[in-house]
Amino acid sequence: MTIAPQRVVTLHYVLSDRDGSVLDDSRARRQPLEYLHGHGNIMAGLENALAGQDAGAQLSVTLMPVEAYGLRDEALVREVGRHAFPVEEVAPGMRFQTPGDDGPEIVTVLEVRDDAVVIDTNHPLAGQVLRYRLEVLEVRDATRAELAKGHPLPPGTDPGEVEDKKVP
């Protein structure tokens, strides 16, 4: 079956930076990625590269920063009050997940001062060229419940428990 909108794709990937350093490897974690094609579940650059591929396909994709996590925006580096952190000990390099306007965002601590903390809310991979090696394991039609939710559902999910808002 060919990758197209309304289909669930299962794949393994190796994500590397420009220099070839591996940043993530789904096979090493023994956890393939599963996504619903055409629903914005993955970066548009990857989705475009995968469109039209079949199960068994292997491909390499290089994404420029604007196709991946965007360019770095220095306006997203700012100072916040020390009280904004839920833990006593805060150190440079620590990361926290916080609610953002468009969903959860990752905050990286850059500097800790007596009464303030300098944080960076750019995605940790913003500004980087990303290289993916992809292997398509399976392509199948999405269920009505998956289309209603906009993403794949775990095996064994009872469709009756899924609120159907997207599909008439």
Protein backbone atom coordinates (compact mmCIF):
# COMPACT_ATOMS: atom_id res chain seq x y z
CA MET A 1 0.00 0.00 0.00
CA THR A 2 1.24 3.50 -0.86
CA ILE A 3 1.62 6.34 1.64
CA ALA A 4 -1.21 8.82 1.09
CA PRO A 5 -3.53 10.96 3.22
CA GLN A 6 -5.77 9.07 5.68
CA ARG A 7 -3.25 6.22 6.00
CA VAL A 8 -1.29 5.19 9.06
CA VAL A 9 2.42 4.78 8.44
CA THR A 10 4.81 2.84 10.66
CA LEU A 11 8.50 3.48 10.14
CA HIS A 12 11.93 3.34 11.70
CA TYR A 13 14.24 6.33 11.49
CA VAL A 14 17.71 7.48 12.41
CA LEU A 15 17.99 11.22 12.99
CA SER A 16 21.44 12.79 12.65
CA ASP A 17 22.78 16.32 12.66
CA ARG A 18 24.78 17.91 9.83
CA ASP A 19 27.99 16.28 11.08
CA GLY A 20 26.47 12.79 11.21
CA SER A 21 26.11 12.58 14.99
CA VAL A 22 23.07 10.43 15.79
CA LEU A 23 20.45 12.36 17.76
CA ASP A 24 17.74 9.69 17.83
CA ASP A 25 17.32 6.14 16.58
CA SER A 26 13.88 4.51 16.77
CA ARG A 27 15.28 1.04 16.07
CA ALA A 28 17.78 1.34 18.95
CA ARG A 29 14.86 2.30 21.20
CA ARG A 30 12.81 -0.57 19.72
CA GLN A 31 9.96 1.83 19.11
CA PRO A 32 8.98 2.59 15.52
CA LEU A 33 7.20 5.85 14.76
CA GLU A 34 3.56 5.61 13.76
CA TYR A 35 1.75 8.61 12.30
CA LEU A 36 -1.39 9.52 10.36
CA HIS A 37 -0.35 10.87 6.98
CA GLY A 38 -1.84 14.21 5.97
CA HIS A 39 -2.74 15.29 9.51
CA GLY A 40 0.35 17.25 10.52
CA ASN A 41 1.59 14.55 12.89
CA ILE A 42 5.17 14.94 11.63
CA MET A 43 7.18 17.73 10.00
CA ALA A 44 5.85 18.69 6.59
CA GLY A 45 9.26 18.10 4.96
CA LEU A 46 9.28 14.48 6.13
CA GLU A 47 5.65 13.96 5.18
CA ASN A 48 6.31 15.32 1.68
CA ALA A 49 9.31 13.02 1.24
CA LEU A 50 7.31 9.98 2.37
CA ALA A 51 4.25 10.65 0.18
CA GLY A 52 3.94 8.01 -2.53
CA GLN A 53 6.38 5.57 -0.89
CA ASP A 54 5.42 1.95 -0.24
CA ALA A 55 6.07 -0.41 2.67
CA GLY A 56 9.69 -1.56 2.44
CA ALA A 57 10.95 1.76 1.03
CA GLN A 58 14.21 3.11 2.42
CA LEU A 59 15.17 6.72 1.87
CA SER A 60 17.37 9.51 3.16
CA VAL A 61 15.97 12.98 3.70
CA THR A 62 17.82 16.17 4.60
CA LEU A 63 15.75 18.98 6.08
CA MET A 64 16.97 22.55 6.26
CA PRO A 65 16.08 24.42 9.48
CA VAL A 66 13.04 26.15 7.94
CA GLU A 67 11.65 22.71 6.97
CA ALA A 68 12.29 21.25 10.42
CA TYR A 69 12.15 23.15 13.72
CA GLY A 70 12.69 26.59 12.24
CA LEU A 71 15.46 29.12 12.51
CA ARG A 72 16.71 30.19 15.92
CA ASP A 73 14.95 33.28 17.19
CA GLU A 74 17.01 35.23 19.73
CA ALA A 75 13.80 36.95 20.89
CA LEU A 76 12.91 33.58 22.46
CA VAL A 77 15.88 33.90 24.85
CA ARG A 78 14.71 35.84 27.87
CA GLU A 79 15.01 36.30 31.60
CA VAL A 80 12.33 35.04 33.99
CA GLY A 81 11.97 35.14 37.75
CA ARG A 82 13.59 32.34 39.74
CA HIS A 83 10.16 31.59 41.25
CA ALA A 84 8.94 30.32 37.84
CA PHE A 85 10.68 26.96 38.35
CA PRO A 86 9.11 24.04 40.18
CA VAL A 87 12.41 22.76 41.60
CA GLU A 88 14.88 24.21 44.09
CA GLU A 89 18.04 23.42 42.13
CA VAL A 90 18.20 24.88 38.63
CA ALA A 91 21.34 24.61 36.51
CA PRO A 92 22.36 25.54 32.96
CA GLY A 93 21.45 22.83 30.46
CA MET A 94 18.37 21.66 32.35
CA ARG A 95 15.20 21.37 30.30
CA PHE A 96 11.61 21.74 31.39
CA GLN A 97 8.33 21.28 29.55
CA THR A 98 5.86 24.11 29.98
CA PRO A 99 2.49 24.94 28.44
CA GLY A 100 2.79 27.22 25.42
CA ASP A 101 0.36 29.00 23.14
CA ASP A 102 0.55 26.16 20.58
CA GLY A 103 0.87 23.28 23.05
CA PRO A 104 3.74 22.11 25.24
CA GLU A 105 7.11 23.76 24.70
CA ILE A 106 10.60 22.89 25.88
CA VAL A 107 12.45 25.49 27.94
CA THR A 108 16.25 25.22 28.21
CA VAL A 109 18.04 26.92 31.10
CA LEU A 110 21.02 28.95 29.84
CA GLU A 111 22.09 30.85 32.96
CA VAL A 112 21.07 30.96 36.62
CA ARG A 113 21.34 34.22 38.57
CA ASP A 114 20.41 35.00 42.19
CA ASP A 115 16.89 36.14 41.42
CA ALA A 116 16.44 35.29 37.73
CA VAL A 117 17.00 32.54 35.18
CA VAL A 118 17.89 33.07 31.51
CA ILE A 119 15.89 30.63 29.39
CA ASP A 120 15.67 29.68 25.73
CA THR A 121 12.29 28.61 24.36
CA ASN A 122 13.59 27.80 20.88
CA HIS A 123 13.19 24.12 20.09
CA PRO A 124 16.49 22.40 20.98
CA LEU A 125 16.94 21.49 17.28
CA ALA A 126 16.01 24.93 15.91
CA GLY A 127 18.54 26.23 13.40
CA GLN A 128 19.95 22.79 12.65
CA VAL A 129 20.12 20.84 9.41
CA LEU A 130 18.61 17.42 10.14
CA ARG A 131 19.28 14.20 8.26
CA TYR A 132 16.85 11.29 8.44
CA ARG A 133 17.34 7.71 7.27
CA LEU A 134 13.87 6.22 6.97
CA GLU A 135 12.55 2.70 6.51
CA VAL A 136 8.81 2.30 5.90
CA LEU A 137 7.62 -0.79 7.76
CA GLU A 138 3.86 -0.70 7.17
CA VAL A 139 1.15 1.39 5.51
CA ARG A 140 -2.53 0.79 6.27
CA ASP A 141 -5.82 2.61 6.01
CA ALA A 142 -6.68 4.59 9.14
CA THR A 143 -9.71 3.56 11.14
CA ARG A 144 -12.67 5.89 11.48
CA ALA A 145 -11.68 6.44 15.13
CA GLU A 146 -8.13 7.39 14.11
CA LEU A 147 -9.45 9.85 11.54
CA ALA A 148 -11.73 11.30 14.21
CA LYS A 149 -8.82 11.83 16.60
CA GLY A 150 -6.33 12.90 13.92
CA HIS A 151 -3.63 10.42 14.94
CA PRO A 152 -3.06 6.65 15.28
CA LEU A 153 -4.64 5.00 18.30
CA PRO A 154 -3.02 2.33 20.45
CA PRO A 155 -3.87 -1.27 19.54
CA GLY A 156 -7.00 -2.47 21.28
CA THR A 157 -8.62 0.98 21.55
CA ASP A 158 -12.40 0.61 21.62
CA PRO A 159 -13.75 2.84 18.81
CA GLY A 160 -16.87 3.46 20.91
CA GLU A 161 -14.70 5.31 23.45
CA VAL A 162 -13.41 7.77 20.87
CA GLU A 163 -15.37 10.98 20.43
CA ASP A 164 -16.04 11.34 16.71
CA LYS A 165 -15.71 15.04 15.83
CA LYS A 166 -13.84 15.07 12.52
CA VAL A 167 -15.62 12.49 10.40
CA PRO A 168 -19.33 12.87 9.49
